[in-house]
Protein backbone atom coordinates (compact mmCIF):
# COMPACT_ATOMS: atom_id res chain seq x y z
CA MET A 1 -0.02 -0.10 -0.07
CA ASN A 2 1.54 3.65 -0.97
CA LYS A 3 0.11 6.53 0.85
CA ALA A 4 0.49 9.65 2.41
CA LEU A 5 -0.75 10.01 6.22
CA TYR A 6 -1.04 13.39 7.47
CA PHE A 7 -1.32 13.63 11.26
CA LYS A 8 -3.31 16.48 12.66
CA GLY A 9 -4.68 17.70 15.86
CA GLU A 10 -7.95 19.19 16.63
CA ASN A 11 -6.98 22.63 18.01
CA CYS A 12 -3.72 22.92 16.02
CA GLY A 13 -3.66 26.20 13.88
CA VAL A 14 -0.52 24.92 11.64
CA CYS A 15 -2.28 21.65 10.97
CA ALA A 16 -5.51 23.69 9.79
CA ALA A 17 -3.62 26.00 7.45
CA LEU A 18 -1.39 23.19 6.24
CA LEU A 19 -3.91 20.59 5.34
CA PRO A 20 -5.70 22.06 2.20
CA LYS A 21 -2.24 22.84 0.65
CA MET A 22 -1.00 19.36 1.10
CA GLU A 23 -3.97 17.91 -0.16
CA LYS A 24 -3.81 20.18 -3.19
CA HIS A 25 -0.21 19.23 -3.63
CA PHE A 26 -0.59 15.71 -3.55
CA SER A 27 -3.80 15.43 -5.86
CA GLU A 28 -1.72 17.64 -8.22
CA ASN A 29 1.75 16.07 -8.16
CA TYR A 30 1.31 12.55 -6.76
CA PRO A 31 -2.23 11.28 -7.53
CA LEU A 32 -1.33 7.66 -7.35
CA LEU A 33 -0.70 8.10 -3.40
CA GLU A 34 -3.55 7.82 -1.32
CA PHE A 35 -3.66 11.00 0.71
CA GLU A 36 -5.26 9.95 4.35
CA ILE A 37 -5.86 12.34 7.22
CA VAL A 38 -5.35 10.94 10.71
CA PRO A 39 -6.75 13.01 13.55
CA VAL A 40 -4.60 12.12 16.50
CA GLN A 41 -7.23 12.93 19.06
CA GLU A 42 -9.49 10.26 17.58
CA PHE A 43 -6.82 7.73 16.58
CA PRO A 44 -4.16 7.89 19.26
CA GLU A 45 -3.24 4.22 18.80
CA ILE A 46 -2.42 4.90 15.06
CA ALA A 47 -0.31 8.04 16.05
CA ALA A 48 1.54 5.61 18.71
CA GLN A 49 2.14 2.90 16.11
CA PHE A 50 3.87 5.48 13.78
CA ASN A 51 5.73 7.38 16.76
CA VAL A 52 4.11 10.64 15.99
CA PHE A 53 4.67 13.08 19.15
CA THR A 54 4.39 16.28 17.54
CA ILE A 55 1.98 17.75 14.94
CA PRO A 56 1.66 18.14 11.91
CA VAL A 57 3.46 15.01 10.70
CA LEU A 58 3.39 13.67 7.13
CA ILE A 59 4.42 10.18 6.67
CA ILE A 60 5.01 8.61 3.09
CA LEU A 61 4.66 4.78 2.88
CA PHE A 62 5.45 2.51 0.17
CA ASP A 63 4.46 -1.08 0.31
CA ASN A 64 3.53 -0.30 4.00
CA LYS A 65 7.20 1.00 5.09
CA GLU A 66 7.92 4.44 6.12
CA HIS A 67 10.24 6.10 3.59
CA TYR A 68 9.91 9.84 4.52
CA ARG A 69 8.70 11.58 7.50
CA PHE A 70 8.08 15.32 7.54
CA ALA A 71 7.01 17.25 10.98
CA ARG A 72 5.94 20.54 12.09
CA ASN A 73 7.19 23.11 9.30
CA PHE A 74 7.29 21.77 6.16
CA SER A 75 6.31 22.77 2.49
CA GLY A 76 5.54 21.24 -0.99
CA PHE A 77 8.95 22.06 -2.02
CA GLU A 78 10.73 20.38 0.53
CA ILE A 79 8.36 17.29 0.08
CA ASP A 80 9.18 17.28 -3.72
CA GLN A 81 12.98 17.49 -3.16
CA LYS A 82 12.78 14.14 -1.44
CA LEU A 83 9.70 12.33 -2.88
CA LYS A 84 9.62 13.08 -6.45
CA ARG A 85 12.42 11.02 -7.55
CA THR A 86 11.04 8.09 -5.68
CA TYR A 87 7.52 8.61 -6.95
CA GLU A 88 8.86 8.87 -10.80
CA LEU A 89 10.39 5.42 -10.29
CA ARG A 90 7.77 3.64 -8.70
CA PHE A 91 4.76 4.99 -11.05
CA HIS A 92 6.28 5.95 -14.20
């Protein structure tokens, strides 16, 4: 399974501001990756499973294995620097 997990908090302003940008970025640039939002208050066991101790966190999984992790302050540009090549090799 290949997906992007976006961990967010209920009262996190950064999470709320970043989420629409990340959804748009992934739908436009990485359409073959499933983008899943994980509210940590509702799913603390999933956050614990992925060792998420701060928010927001974006984890990129390929074949159910973590390949990239971005935490707190990150941008589409930073994601592209790491993910673009891997994505192209896997899906093109």
